[in-house]
Amino acid sequence: MARENKKELIGRVVSDKMSKTIVVEIVQRKMHPIYHKYLKVSKKVKAHDDKEVSKVGDKVKIIEVRPISKDKRWALVEVLEKLK
């Protein structure tokens, strides 16, 4: 049975040097449990870009998919903002 509500993330492309793969940096704000200050927490994920439309610096939306390779579990949905 397929899961209907898949995770979606928005981030910036930091690398497009691999074929059909991009590296997307996701930046989130999380509150520190003791000091109650917001911290920027970032993580990098590899996403599948079949048509190779995104370039470094673009803001993209990615969605959770089945494992495509050892590291790829995300796929590009759309390019939200192009870098000029």
Protein backbone atom coordinates (compact mmCIF):
# COMPACT_ATOMS: atom_id res chain seq x y z
CA MET A 1 0.00 0.00 0.00
CA ALA A 2 1.48 3.33 -1.07
CA ARG A 3 1.80 6.16 1.40
CA GLU A 4 -0.16 9.21 0.31
CA ASN A 5 1.46 11.97 2.35
CA LYS A 6 5.13 12.03 1.39
CA LYS A 7 7.56 14.46 2.97
CA GLU A 8 8.36 17.62 1.02
CA LEU A 9 11.35 19.86 1.69
CA ILE A 10 12.54 23.17 0.24
CA GLY A 11 16.24 23.97 -0.08
CA ARG A 12 19.07 25.35 -2.21
CA VAL A 13 21.12 23.37 -4.71
CA VAL A 14 24.77 23.33 -3.66
CA SER A 15 26.10 20.88 -6.28
CA ASP A 16 25.01 19.63 -9.69
CA LYS A 17 28.24 17.95 -10.80
CA MET A 18 26.85 14.40 -10.86
CA SER A 19 24.68 13.18 -13.71
CA LYS A 20 20.95 13.20 -12.85
CA THR A 21 21.77 13.98 -9.19
CA ILE A 22 21.79 17.23 -7.24
CA VAL A 23 22.86 17.96 -3.67
CA VAL A 24 20.31 20.09 -1.82
CA GLU A 25 21.03 21.88 1.46
CA ILE A 26 18.03 22.08 3.79
CA VAL A 27 18.20 24.83 6.42
CA GLN A 28 15.78 24.64 9.35
CA ARG A 29 15.36 26.66 12.53
CA LYS A 30 15.16 24.64 15.73
CA MET A 31 14.81 25.87 19.29
CA HIS A 32 17.48 24.92 21.82
CA PRO A 33 15.82 22.90 24.61
CA ILE A 34 17.54 24.71 27.48
CA TYR A 35 18.45 28.19 26.22
CA HIS A 36 15.29 28.71 24.12
CA LYS A 37 17.24 30.31 21.30
CA TYR A 38 16.71 29.43 17.67
CA LEU A 39 19.58 27.70 15.90
CA LYS A 40 20.05 27.18 12.17
CA VAL A 41 20.45 23.48 11.51
CA SER A 42 21.39 22.39 8.01
CA LYS A 43 21.64 19.04 6.31
CA LYS A 44 22.55 17.99 2.78
CA VAL A 45 20.61 15.37 0.85
CA LYS A 46 21.02 13.94 -2.64
CA ALA A 47 18.03 14.22 -4.93
CA HIS A 48 17.20 12.72 -8.32
CA ASP A 49 17.01 15.31 -11.13
CA ASP A 50 16.07 13.27 -14.20
CA LYS A 51 15.92 16.15 -16.71
CA GLU A 52 18.87 18.06 -15.15
CA VAL A 53 16.98 21.38 -15.03
CA SER A 54 18.34 22.77 -11.75
CA LYS A 55 21.66 24.54 -11.33
CA VAL A 56 23.76 25.62 -8.32
CA GLY A 57 21.96 28.28 -6.27
CA ASP A 58 18.41 27.44 -7.36
CA LYS A 59 15.69 27.12 -4.75
CA VAL A 60 13.98 23.75 -5.25
CA LYS A 61 11.23 21.58 -3.80
CA ILE A 62 12.05 17.89 -3.30
CA ILE A 63 9.84 14.96 -2.32
CA GLU A 64 10.53 11.69 -0.55
CA VAL A 65 10.64 8.66 -2.89
CA ARG A 66 11.69 5.02 -2.83
CA PRO A 67 15.48 4.43 -2.65
CA ILE A 68 16.97 5.14 -6.07
CA SER A 69 20.58 4.43 -5.11
CA LYS A 70 22.68 4.06 -1.97
CA ASP A 71 22.30 7.74 -1.00
CA LYS A 72 19.33 9.02 -3.03
CA ARG A 73 15.91 8.95 -1.34
CA TRP A 74 14.58 12.27 -2.68
CA ALA A 75 13.46 13.52 -6.10
CA LEU A 76 13.12 16.98 -7.58
CA VAL A 77 9.52 18.20 -7.89
CA GLU A 78 10.01 21.73 -9.19
CA VAL A 79 12.40 24.65 -9.34
CA LEU A 80 10.86 27.43 -7.26
CA GLU A 81 13.41 30.16 -7.93
CA LYS A 82 16.19 30.35 -10.53
CA LEU A 83 19.50 32.00 -9.69
CA LYS A 84 20.27 34.78 -12.14
